[in-house]
Structure formats: structure tokens, C-alpha cells
All heavy atoms as atom14 arrays in JSON, in Angstrom:
{
  "sequence": "ATKEFIFFDCSPESPNGRRNICYDRDALDSRKEHKPENSAIDMATTM",
  "atom14_mask": [
    [1, 1, 1, 1, 1, 0, 0, 0, 0, 0, 0, 0, 0, 0],
    [1, 1, 1, 1, 1, 1, 1, 0, 0, 0, 0, 0, 0, 0],
    [1, 1, 1, 1, 1, 1, 1, 1, 1, 0, 0, 0, 0, 0],
    [1, 1, 1, 1, 1, 1, 1, 1, 1, 0, 0, 0, 0, 0],
    [1, 1, 1, 1, 1, 1, 1, 1, 1, 1, 1, 0, 0, 0],
    [1, 1, 1, 1, 1, 1, 1, 1, 0, 0, 0, 0, 0, 0],
    [1, 1, 1, 1, 1, 1, 1, 1, 1, 1, 1, 0, 0, 0],
    [1, 1, 1, 1, 1, 1, 1, 1, 1, 1, 1, 0, 0, 0],
    [1, 1, 1, 1, 1, 1, 1, 1, 0, 0, 0, 0, 0, 0],
    [1, 1, 1, 1, 1, 1, 0, 0, 0, 0, 0, 0, 0, 0],
    [1, 1, 1, 1, 1, 1, 0, 0, 0, 0, 0, 0, 0, 0],
    [1, 1, 1, 1, 1, 1, 1, 0, 0, 0, 0, 0, 0, 0],
    [1, 1, 1, 1, 1, 1, 1, 1, 1, 0, 0, 0, 0, 0],
    [1, 1, 1, 1, 1, 1, 0, 0, 0, 0, 0, 0, 0, 0],
    [1, 1, 1, 1, 1, 1, 1, 0, 0, 0, 0, 0, 0, 0],
    [1, 1, 1, 1, 1, 1, 1, 1, 0, 0, 0, 0, 0, 0],
    [1, 1, 1, 1, 0, 0, 0, 0, 0, 0, 0, 0, 0, 0],
    [1, 1, 1, 1, 1, 1, 1, 1, 1, 1, 1, 0, 0, 0],
    [1, 1, 1, 1, 1, 1, 1, 1, 1, 1, 1, 0, 0, 0],
    [1, 1, 1, 1, 1, 1, 1, 1, 0, 0, 0, 0, 0, 0],
    [1, 1, 1, 1, 1, 1, 1, 1, 0, 0, 0, 0, 0, 0],
    [1, 1, 1, 1, 1, 1, 0, 0, 0, 0, 0, 0, 0, 0],
    [1, 1, 1, 1, 1, 1, 1, 1, 1, 1, 1, 1, 0, 0],
    [1, 1, 1, 1, 1, 1, 1, 1, 0, 0, 0, 0, 0, 0],
    [1, 1, 1, 1, 1, 1, 1, 1, 1, 1, 1, 0, 0, 0],
    [1, 1, 1, 1, 1, 1, 1, 1, 0, 0, 0, 0, 0, 0],
    [1, 1, 1, 1, 1, 0, 0, 0, 0, 0, 0, 0, 0, 0],
    [1, 1, 1, 1, 1, 1, 1, 1, 0, 0, 0, 0, 0, 0],
    [1, 1, 1, 1, 1, 1, 1, 1, 0, 0, 0, 0, 0, 0],
    [1, 1, 1, 1, 1, 1, 0, 0, 0, 0, 0, 0, 0, 0],
    [1, 1, 1, 1, 1, 1, 1, 1, 1, 1, 1, 0, 0, 0],
    [1, 1, 1, 1, 1, 1, 1, 1, 1, 0, 0, 0, 0, 0],
    [1, 1, 1, 1, 1, 1, 1, 1, 1, 0, 0, 0, 0, 0],
    [1, 1, 1, 1, 1, 1, 1, 1, 1, 1, 0, 0, 0, 0],
    [1, 1, 1, 1, 1, 1, 1, 1, 1, 0, 0, 0, 0, 0],
    [1, 1, 1, 1, 1, 1, 1, 0, 0, 0, 0, 0, 0, 0],
    [1, 1, 1, 1, 1, 1, 1, 1, 1, 0, 0, 0, 0, 0],
    [1, 1, 1, 1, 1, 1, 1, 1, 0, 0, 0, 0, 0, 0],
    [1, 1, 1, 1, 1, 1, 0, 0, 0, 0, 0, 0, 0, 0],
    [1, 1, 1, 1, 1, 0, 0, 0, 0, 0, 0, 0, 0, 0],
    [1, 1, 1, 1, 1, 1, 1, 1, 0, 0, 0, 0, 0, 0],
    [1, 1, 1, 1, 1, 1, 1, 1, 0, 0, 0, 0, 0, 0],
    [1, 1, 1, 1, 1, 1, 1, 1, 0, 0, 0, 0, 0, 0],
    [1, 1, 1, 1, 1, 0, 0, 0, 0, 0, 0, 0, 0, 0],
    [1, 1, 1, 1, 1, 1, 1, 0, 0, 0, 0, 0, 0, 0],
    [1, 1, 1, 1, 1, 1, 1, 0, 0, 0, 0, 0, 0, 0],
    [1, 1, 1, 1, 1, 1, 1, 1, 0, 0, 0, 0, 0, 0]
  ],
  "atom14_positions": [
    [[-17.64, -28.01, 32.93], [-18.59, -28.38, 33.9], [-20.12, -28.12, 33.58], [-20.89, -29.06, 33.74], [-18.27, -27.78, 35.15], [0.0, 0.0, 0.0], [0.0, 0.0, 0.0], [0.0, 0.0, 0.0], [0.0, 0.0, 0.0], [0.0, 0.0, 0.0], [0.0, 0.0, 0.0], [0.0, 0.0, 0.0], [0.0, 0.0, 0.0], [0.0, 0.0, 0.0]],
    [[-20.28, -26.9, 32.98], [-21.64, -26.52, 32.81], [-21.98, -26.74, 31.21], [-23.22, -26.47, 30.87], [-21.95, -25.14, 33.22], [-21.16, -24.23, 32.33], [-21.73, -24.89, 34.61], [0.0, 0.0, 0.0], [0.0, 0.0, 0.0], [0.0, 0.0, 0.0], [0.0, 0.0, 0.0], [0.0, 0.0, 0.0], [0.0, 0.0, 0.0], [0.0, 0.0, 0.0]],
    [[-20.99, -27.02, 30.43], [-21.27, -27.05, 29.02], [-21.59, -25.84, 28.27], [-22.53, -25.92, 27.51], [-22.22, -28.28, 28.51], [-21.78, -29.6, 29.16], [-20.6, -30.17, 28.73], [-20.32, -31.6, 29.2], [-18.9, -31.86, 29.47], [0.0, 0.0, 0.0], [0.0, 0.0, 0.0], [0.0, 0.0, 0.0], [0.0, 0.0, 0.0], [0.0, 0.0, 0.0]],
    [[-21.2, -24.76, 28.94], [-21.56, -23.47, 28.3], [-20.38, -22.67, 27.71], [-19.25, -22.71, 28.23], [-22.13, -22.51, 29.54], [-23.34, -23.11, 30.1], [-23.83, -22.29, 31.3], [-22.91, -22.21, 32.3], [-24.93, -21.9, 31.28], [0.0, 0.0, 0.0], [0.0, 0.0, 0.0], [0.0, 0.0, 0.0], [0.0, 0.0, 0.0], [0.0, 0.0, 0.0]],
    [[-20.74, -21.97, 26.66], [-19.62, -21.01, 26.06], [-19.81, -19.78, 26.83], [-20.82, -19.27, 27.32], [-20.08, -20.75, 24.61], [-19.97, -21.97, 23.65], [-21.03, -22.71, 23.27], [-18.61, -22.36, 23.35], [-20.87, -23.91, 22.54], [-18.48, -23.49, 22.56], [-19.62, -24.24, 22.12], [0.0, 0.0, 0.0], [0.0, 0.0, 0.0], [0.0, 0.0, 0.0]],
    [[-18.67, -18.98, 26.94], [-18.55, -17.78, 27.84], [-18.16, -16.69, 26.93], [-17.14, -16.73, 26.21], [-17.45, -17.97, 28.9], [-17.63, -19.28, 29.74], [-17.27, -16.79, 29.8], [-16.56, -19.78, 30.65], [0.0, 0.0, 0.0], [0.0, 0.0, 0.0], [0.0, 0.0, 0.0], [0.0, 0.0, 0.0], [0.0, 0.0, 0.0], [0.0, 0.0, 0.0]],
    [[-19.06, -15.61, 26.93], [-18.76, -14.36, 26.19], [-18.35, -13.29, 27.29], [-19.04, -13.26, 28.26], [-20.15, -14.01, 25.52], [-20.48, -14.74, 24.29], [-21.18, -15.87, 24.4], [-20.16, -14.27, 23.19], [-21.48, -16.67, 23.29], [-20.6, -14.93, 21.96], [-21.2, -16.2, 21.98], [0.0, 0.0, 0.0], [0.0, 0.0, 0.0], [0.0, 0.0, 0.0]],
    [[-17.37, -12.52, 27.0], [-17.05, -11.33, 27.62], [-17.25, -10.16, 26.63], [-17.04, -10.24, 25.53], [-15.61, -11.27, 28.05], [-15.19, -12.24, 29.15], [-13.83, -12.37, 29.6], [-16.13, -13.01, 30.01], [-13.53, -13.11, 30.67], [-15.72, -13.68, 30.93], [-14.47, -13.87, 31.36], [0.0, 0.0, 0.0], [0.0, 0.0, 0.0], [0.0, 0.0, 0.0]],
    [[-17.42, -8.91, 27.29], [-17.23, -7.71, 26.47], [-15.77, -7.5, 26.19], [-15.09, -7.44, 27.0], [-17.8, -6.47, 27.33], [-19.3, -6.47, 27.48], [-19.88, -6.54, 26.31], [-19.82, -6.29, 28.6], [0.0, 0.0, 0.0], [0.0, 0.0, 0.0], [0.0, 0.0, 0.0], [0.0, 0.0, 0.0], [0.0, 0.0, 0.0], [0.0, 0.0, 0.0]],
    [[-15.48, -7.42, 24.98], [-14.18, -7.37, 24.44], [-13.81, -6.04, 23.76], [-12.79, -5.99, 23.02], [-13.7, -8.59, 23.65], [-13.7, -10.09, 24.46], [0.0, 0.0, 0.0], [0.0, 0.0, 0.0], [0.0, 0.0, 0.0], [0.0, 0.0, 0.0], [0.0, 0.0, 0.0], [0.0, 0.0, 0.0], [0.0, 0.0, 0.0], [0.0, 0.0, 0.0]],
    [[-14.61, -4.97, 24.0], [-14.23, -3.63, 23.39], [-12.97, -3.2, 24.07], [-12.63, -3.44, 25.12], [-15.43, -2.67, 23.69], [-15.7, -2.55, 25.1], [0.0, 0.0, 0.0], [0.0, 0.0, 0.0], [0.0, 0.0, 0.0], [0.0, 0.0, 0.0], [0.0, 0.0, 0.0], [0.0, 0.0, 0.0], [0.0, 0.0, 0.0], [0.0, 0.0, 0.0]],
    [[-12.24, -2.42, 23.16], [-10.87, -1.91, 23.82], [-11.06, -1.2, 25.08], [-10.25, -1.33, 26.06], [-10.36, -1.04, 22.72], [-11.04, -1.62, 21.47], [-12.44, -2.04, 21.86], [0.0, 0.0, 0.0], [0.0, 0.0, 0.0], [0.0, 0.0, 0.0], [0.0, 0.0, 0.0], [0.0, 0.0, 0.0], [0.0, 0.0, 0.0], [0.0, 0.0, 0.0]],
    [[-12.13, -0.29, 25.0], [-12.36, 0.52, 26.27], [-13.63, 0.04, 26.89], [-14.53, -0.62, 26.26], [-12.39, 2.02, 26.01], [-11.0, 2.46, 25.34], [-9.8, 2.34, 26.3], [-9.9, 2.25, 27.53], [-8.74, 2.27, 25.67], [0.0, 0.0, 0.0], [0.0, 0.0, 0.0], [0.0, 0.0, 0.0], [0.0, 0.0, 0.0], [0.0, 0.0, 0.0]],
    [[-13.9, 0.46, 28.09], [-15.17, 0.15, 28.77], [-16.39, 0.57, 27.86], [-16.26, 1.63, 27.33], [-15.21, 0.82, 30.07], [-16.21, 0.42, 30.91], [0.0, 0.0, 0.0], [0.0, 0.0, 0.0], [0.0, 0.0, 0.0], [0.0, 0.0, 0.0], [0.0, 0.0, 0.0], [0.0, 0.0, 0.0], [0.0, 0.0, 0.0], [0.0, 0.0, 0.0]],
    [[-17.36, -0.3, 27.76], [-18.42, 0.02, 26.68], [-19.0, 1.48, 26.9], [-19.54, 1.86, 27.98], [-19.39, -1.0, 26.95], [-18.69, -2.35, 27.52], [-17.61, -1.61, 28.33], [0.0, 0.0, 0.0], [0.0, 0.0, 0.0], [0.0, 0.0, 0.0], [0.0, 0.0, 0.0], [0.0, 0.0, 0.0], [0.0, 0.0, 0.0], [0.0, 0.0, 0.0]],
    [[-18.98, 2.06, 25.8], [-19.49, 3.53, 25.83], [-20.89, 3.76, 26.31], [-21.2, 4.67, 27.02], [-19.21, 4.22, 24.42], [-19.25, 5.67, 24.42], [-18.77, 6.36, 25.47], [-19.89, 6.22, 23.42], [0.0, 0.0, 0.0], [0.0, 0.0, 0.0], [0.0, 0.0, 0.0], [0.0, 0.0, 0.0], [0.0, 0.0, 0.0], [0.0, 0.0, 0.0]],
    [[-21.84, 2.82, 25.89], [-23.2, 2.92, 26.35], [-23.52, 2.6, 27.65], [-24.64, 2.59, 28.12], [0.0, 0.0, 0.0], [0.0, 0.0, 0.0], [0.0, 0.0, 0.0], [0.0, 0.0, 0.0], [0.0, 0.0, 0.0], [0.0, 0.0, 0.0], [0.0, 0.0, 0.0], [0.0, 0.0, 0.0], [0.0, 0.0, 0.0], [0.0, 0.0, 0.0]],
    [[-22.5, 2.35, 28.56], [-22.65, 1.87, 29.9], [-21.74, 2.65, 30.86], [-21.42, 2.13, 31.96], [-22.32, 0.38, 30.05], [-23.22, -0.53, 29.15], [-22.87, -1.94, 29.4], [-22.72, -2.8, 28.31], [-22.03, -3.75, 28.09], [-21.42, -4.29, 29.05], [-21.87, -4.42, 26.92], [0.0, 0.0, 0.0], [0.0, 0.0, 0.0], [0.0, 0.0, 0.0]],
    [[-21.28, 3.84, 30.46], [-20.42, 4.57, 31.36], [-21.24, 5.55, 32.14], [-22.5, 5.75, 31.84], [-19.51, 5.26, 30.45], [-18.53, 4.38, 29.94], [-17.4, 5.12, 29.07], [-16.7, 4.33, 28.16], [-15.92, 4.83, 27.15], [-15.65, 6.0, 27.17], [-15.19, 4.06, 26.41], [0.0, 0.0, 0.0], [0.0, 0.0, 0.0], [0.0, 0.0, 0.0]],
    [[-20.64, 6.3, 33.08], [-21.15, 7.37, 33.83], [-22.24, 6.81, 34.74], [-23.31, 7.43, 34.8], [-21.75, 8.49, 32.92], [-21.49, 9.76, 33.49], [-20.8, 9.98, 34.35], [-22.22, 10.86, 32.85], [0.0, 0.0, 0.0], [0.0, 0.0, 0.0], [0.0, 0.0, 0.0], [0.0, 0.0, 0.0], [0.0, 0.0, 0.0], [0.0, 0.0, 0.0]],
    [[-22.1, 5.59, 35.32], [-22.97, 5.04, 36.19], [-22.41, 4.61, 37.47], [-21.17, 4.41, 37.62], [-23.55, 3.69, 35.46], [-22.51, 2.71, 35.04], [-24.53, 4.09, 34.27], [-23.02, 1.53, 34.59], [0.0, 0.0, 0.0], [0.0, 0.0, 0.0], [0.0, 0.0, 0.0], [0.0, 0.0, 0.0], [0.0, 0.0, 0.0], [0.0, 0.0, 0.0]],
    [[-23.16, 4.51, 38.46], [-22.54, 4.07, 39.8], [-22.69, 2.69, 39.92], [-23.04, 1.89, 39.02], [-23.31, 4.76, 41.04], [-25.05, 4.46, 41.09], [0.0, 0.0, 0.0], [0.0, 0.0, 0.0], [0.0, 0.0, 0.0], [0.0, 0.0, 0.0], [0.0, 0.0, 0.0], [0.0, 0.0, 0.0], [0.0, 0.0, 0.0], [0.0, 0.0, 0.0]],
    [[-22.37, 1.99, 41.12], [-22.21, 0.54, 41.22], [-23.59, -0.16, 41.14], [-23.87, -1.1, 40.32], [-21.28, 0.09, 42.35], [-21.2, -1.35, 42.42], [-20.34, -1.94, 41.51], [-21.86, -2.14, 43.29], [-20.15, -3.4, 41.61], [-21.76, -3.56, 43.34], [-20.85, -4.04, 42.44], [-20.81, -5.52, 42.53], [0.0, 0.0, 0.0], [0.0, 0.0, 0.0]],
    [[-24.52, 0.16, 42.1], [-25.71, -0.57, 42.2], [-26.89, 0.26, 42.67], [-26.67, 1.57, 42.88], [-25.5, -1.69, 43.17], [-25.15, -1.44, 44.61], [-25.14, -0.14, 45.01], [-24.77, -2.22, 45.41], [0.0, 0.0, 0.0], [0.0, 0.0, 0.0], [0.0, 0.0, 0.0], [0.0, 0.0, 0.0], [0.0, 0.0, 0.0], [0.0, 0.0, 0.0]],
    [[-28.05, -0.26, 42.72], [-29.27, 0.43, 43.22], [-29.05, 1.11, 44.51], [-29.51, 2.47, 44.66], [-30.44, -0.47, 43.24], [-31.75, 0.25, 43.55], [-32.24, 1.37, 42.89], [-32.25, 1.17, 41.51], [-32.67, 2.1, 40.6], [-33.06, 3.29, 41.1], [-32.65, 1.79, 39.44], [0.0, 0.0, 0.0], [0.0, 0.0, 0.0], [0.0, 0.0, 0.0]],
    [[-28.51, 0.52, 45.52], [-28.31, 1.23, 46.83], [-27.46, 2.41, 46.7], [-27.73, 3.33, 47.41], [-27.72, 0.25, 47.93], [-28.72, -0.85, 48.28], [-30.01, -0.6, 48.13], [-28.29, -1.96, 48.9], [0.0, 0.0, 0.0], [0.0, 0.0, 0.0], [0.0, 0.0, 0.0], [0.0, 0.0, 0.0], [0.0, 0.0, 0.0], [0.0, 0.0, 0.0]],
    [[-26.49, 2.23, 46.01], [-25.53, 3.47, 45.78], [-26.28, 4.56, 44.99], [-26.19, 5.74, 45.26], [-24.34, 2.99, 44.86], [0.0, 0.0, 0.0], [0.0, 0.0, 0.0], [0.0, 0.0, 0.0], [0.0, 0.0, 0.0], [0.0, 0.0, 0.0], [0.0, 0.0, 0.0], [0.0, 0.0, 0.0], [0.0, 0.0, 0.0], [0.0, 0.0, 0.0]],
    [[-27.02, 4.25, 44.1], [-27.92, 5.27, 43.3], [-28.88, 5.86, 44.19], [-28.94, 7.12, 44.21], [-28.58, 4.61, 42.06], [-29.3, 5.49, 41.13], [-28.36, 6.47, 40.38], [-30.06, 4.57, 40.15], [0.0, 0.0, 0.0], [0.0, 0.0, 0.0], [0.0, 0.0, 0.0], [0.0, 0.0, 0.0], [0.0, 0.0, 0.0], [0.0, 0.0, 0.0]],
    [[-29.52, 5.16, 45.0], [-30.62, 5.69, 45.98], [-30.0, 6.5, 47.01], [-30.59, 7.44, 47.53], [-31.43, 4.59, 46.58], [-32.29, 3.95, 45.58], [-32.53, 4.5, 44.43], [-32.73, 2.74, 45.79], [0.0, 0.0, 0.0], [0.0, 0.0, 0.0], [0.0, 0.0, 0.0], [0.0, 0.0, 0.0], [0.0, 0.0, 0.0], [0.0, 0.0, 0.0]],
    [[-28.81, 6.21, 47.27], [-28.02, 7.08, 48.51], [-27.57, 8.53, 47.94], [-27.38, 9.3, 48.75], [-26.78, 6.3, 48.92], [-25.72, 6.29, 48.08], [0.0, 0.0, 0.0], [0.0, 0.0, 0.0], [0.0, 0.0, 0.0], [0.0, 0.0, 0.0], [0.0, 0.0, 0.0], [0.0, 0.0, 0.0], [0.0, 0.0, 0.0], [0.0, 0.0, 0.0]],
    [[-27.51, 8.72, 46.66], [-27.11, 10.03, 46.27], [-28.33, 10.99, 46.43], [-29.31, 10.69, 45.9], [-26.62, 9.94, 44.71], [-25.37, 9.2, 44.58], [-24.74, 9.36, 43.19], [-24.37, 10.69, 42.93], [-23.1, 11.23, 43.28], [-22.02, 10.3, 43.54], [-22.75, 12.54, 43.15], [0.0, 0.0, 0.0], [0.0, 0.0, 0.0], [0.0, 0.0, 0.0]],
    [[-27.91, 12.23, 47.06], [-28.94, 13.0, 47.22], [-29.13, 13.99, 46.05], [-30.26, 14.55, 45.72], [-28.7, 14.08, 48.43], [-28.56, 13.16, 49.67], [-29.71, 12.5, 50.04], [-29.67, 11.77, 51.37], [-30.35, 10.53, 51.41], [0.0, 0.0, 0.0], [0.0, 0.0, 0.0], [0.0, 0.0, 0.0], [0.0, 0.0, 0.0], [0.0, 0.0, 0.0]],
    [[-28.09, 14.28, 45.31], [-28.16, 15.09, 44.04], [-27.08, 14.66, 43.08], [-26.19, 13.86, 43.41], [-27.91, 16.57, 44.51], [-26.59, 16.77, 45.28], [-26.44, 18.32, 45.64], [-27.43, 18.92, 46.07], [-25.39, 18.63, 45.73], [0.0, 0.0, 0.0], [0.0, 0.0, 0.0], [0.0, 0.0, 0.0], [0.0, 0.0, 0.0], [0.0, 0.0, 0.0]],
    [[-27.14, 15.13, 41.93], [-26.32, 14.77, 40.78], [-26.31, 13.23, 40.61], [-25.21, 12.71, 40.42], [-24.94, 15.27, 41.01], [-24.92, 16.76, 41.3], [-25.24, 17.76, 40.38], [-24.47, 17.56, 42.4], [-25.12, 18.93, 40.81], [-24.65, 18.8, 42.09], [0.0, 0.0, 0.0], [0.0, 0.0, 0.0], [0.0, 0.0, 0.0], [0.0, 0.0, 0.0]],
    [[-27.46, 12.54, 40.61], [-27.52, 11.17, 40.44], [-27.33, 10.78, 38.95], [-27.69, 11.46, 38.1], [-28.93, 10.62, 40.78], [-29.31, 10.76, 42.2], [-30.65, 10.08, 42.42], [-31.01, 10.11, 43.93], [-31.82, 8.97, 44.29], [0.0, 0.0, 0.0], [0.0, 0.0, 0.0], [0.0, 0.0, 0.0], [0.0, 0.0, 0.0], [0.0, 0.0, 0.0]],
    [[-26.45, 9.77, 38.85], [-26.4, 9.11, 37.44], [-27.76, 8.61, 37.0], [-28.62, 8.39, 37.74], [-25.28, 8.1, 37.62], [-25.37, 7.77, 38.98], [-25.86, 8.8, 39.9], [0.0, 0.0, 0.0], [0.0, 0.0, 0.0], [0.0, 0.0, 0.0], [0.0, 0.0, 0.0], [0.0, 0.0, 0.0], [0.0, 0.0, 0.0], [0.0, 0.0, 0.0]],
    [[-27.73, 8.29, 35.73], [-29.07, 7.78, 35.17], [-29.23, 6.4, 35.62], [-30.49, 5.9, 35.61], [-29.14, 7.83, 33.74], [-29.25, 9.27, 33.16], [-29.49, 9.35, 31.69], [-29.93, 8.3, 31.04], [-29.05, 10.31, 31.1], [0.0, 0.0, 0.0], [0.0, 0.0, 0.0], [0.0, 0.0, 0.0], [0.0, 0.0, 0.0], [0.0, 0.0, 0.0]],
    [[-28.29, 5.61, 35.99], [-28.48, 4.1, 36.2], [-27.3, 3.6, 37.05], [-26.32, 4.45, 37.34], [-28.52, 3.38, 34.86], [-29.54, 2.11, 35.04], [-29.65, 1.49, 36.02], [-29.97, 1.77, 33.66], [0.0, 0.0, 0.0], [0.0, 0.0, 0.0], [0.0, 0.0, 0.0], [0.0, 0.0, 0.0], [0.0, 0.0, 0.0], [0.0, 0.0, 0.0]],
    [[-27.38, 2.19, 37.27], [-26.18, 1.66, 37.98], [-25.76, 0.41, 37.18], [-26.5, -0.12, 36.37], [-26.69, 1.24, 39.32], [-27.53, 0.05, 39.34], [0.0, 0.0, 0.0], [0.0, 0.0, 0.0], [0.0, 0.0, 0.0], [0.0, 0.0, 0.0], [0.0, 0.0, 0.0], [0.0, 0.0, 0.0], [0.0, 0.0, 0.0], [0.0, 0.0, 0.0]],
    [[-24.54, 0.05, 37.39], [-23.96, -1.07, 36.68], [-24.7, -2.4, 36.88], [-25.11, -3.19, 35.99], [-22.54, -1.33, 37.08], [0.0, 0.0, 0.0], [0.0, 0.0, 0.0], [0.0, 0.0, 0.0], [0.0, 0.0, 0.0], [0.0, 0.0, 0.0], [0.0, 0.0, 0.0], [0.0, 0.0, 0.0], [0.0, 0.0, 0.0], [0.0, 0.0, 0.0]],
    [[-25.07, -2.68, 38.17], [-25.8, -3.95, 38.44], [-27.22, -3.8, 37.91], [-27.65, -4.91, 37.31], [-25.84, -4.07, 39.95], [-24.53, -4.36, 40.61], [-26.82, -5.33, 40.39], [-23.79, -5.66, 40.2], [0.0, 0.0, 0.0], [0.0, 0.0, 0.0], [0.0, 0.0, 0.0], [0.0, 0.0, 0.0], [0.0, 0.0, 0.0], [0.0, 0.0, 0.0]],
    [[-27.78, -2.72, 37.97], [-29.24, -2.61, 37.37], [-29.26, -2.85, 35.81], [-30.11, -3.61, 35.24], [-29.95, -1.3, 37.69], [-30.55, -1.27, 39.04], [-30.38, -2.28, 39.87], [-30.8, -0.07, 39.58], [0.0, 0.0, 0.0], [0.0, 0.0, 0.0], [0.0, 0.0, 0.0], [0.0, 0.0, 0.0], [0.0, 0.0, 0.0], [0.0, 0.0, 0.0]],
    [[-28.22, -2.27, 35.23], [-28.07, -2.41, 33.77], [-27.77, -3.76, 33.32], [-28.45, -4.33, 32.36], [-27.03, -1.47, 33.24], [-27.45, 0.01, 33.04], [-26.07, 0.96, 32.37], [-26.41, 0.6, 30.61], [0.0, 0.0, 0.0], [0.0, 0.0, 0.0], [0.0, 0.0, 0.0], [0.0, 0.0, 0.0], [0.0, 0.0, 0.0], [0.0, 0.0, 0.0]],
    [[-26.86, -4.36, 34.09], [-26.47, -5.87, 33.72], [-27.65, -6.68, 33.89], [-27.95, -7.59, 33.0], [-25.44, -6.3, 34.75], [0.0, 0.0, 0.0], [0.0, 0.0, 0.0], [0.0, 0.0, 0.0], [0.0, 0.0, 0.0], [0.0, 0.0, 0.0], [0.0, 0.0, 0.0], [0.0, 0.0, 0.0], [0.0, 0.0, 0.0], [0.0, 0.0, 0.0]],
    [[-28.48, -6.48, 35.04], [-29.69, -7.34, 35.28], [-30.65, -7.24, 34.06], [-31.19, -8.1, 33.57], [-30.28, -7.0, 36.62], [-29.21, -7.25, 37.63], [-31.62, -7.86, 36.91], [0.0, 0.0, 0.0], [0.0, 0.0, 0.0], [0.0, 0.0, 0.0], [0.0, 0.0, 0.0], [0.0, 0.0, 0.0], [0.0, 0.0, 0.0], [0.0, 0.0, 0.0]],
    [[-30.94, -6.02, 33.67], [-31.84, -5.6, 32.55], [-31.38, -6.34, 31.3], [-32.14, -6.88, 30.5], [-32.02, -4.26, 32.38], [-32.51, -3.53, 33.64], [-32.96, -3.99, 31.24], [0.0, 0.0, 0.0], [0.0, 0.0, 0.0], [0.0, 0.0, 0.0], [0.0, 0.0, 0.0], [0.0, 0.0, 0.0], [0.0, 0.0, 0.0], [0.0, 0.0, 0.0]],
    [[-30.02, -6.36, 31.03], [-29.45, -6.95, 29.85], [-29.4, -8.5, 29.92], [-29.14, -9.04, 28.93], [-28.1, -6.4, 29.73], [-28.12, -4.91, 29.28], [-26.3, -4.18, 29.33], [-25.73, -4.95, 27.96], [0.0, 0.0, 0.0], [0.0, 0.0, 0.0], [0.0, 0.0, 0.0], [0.0, 0.0, 0.0], [0.0, 0.0, 0.0], [0.0, 0.0, 0.0]]
  ]
}
């Protein structure tokens, strides 16, 4: 329909450089302490 090729991450395990993160910015901001460095949605958007 869109004439686009589709790429997925196909690493055997969840990509190592994108682990130890919460789901999104609201989730990150809601943590009072022990915050992860980033969120999945923010990283994906940046990428």
C-alpha cells in the first residue's frame, strides 16, 4: 500500500544499547528516585 520496505530489529535478544529503560517520558518523570536514563518512546523518537 505504501510501497515501503519494513525493517525490524532482529537481534536475538532485546538490543543491549536500549535496555534498562522505562516505557515513556510520563513514566520517567513520575519516578521520584532511581530513575532510568531514558525511556523507550523517547529513544525511538530520537532514532
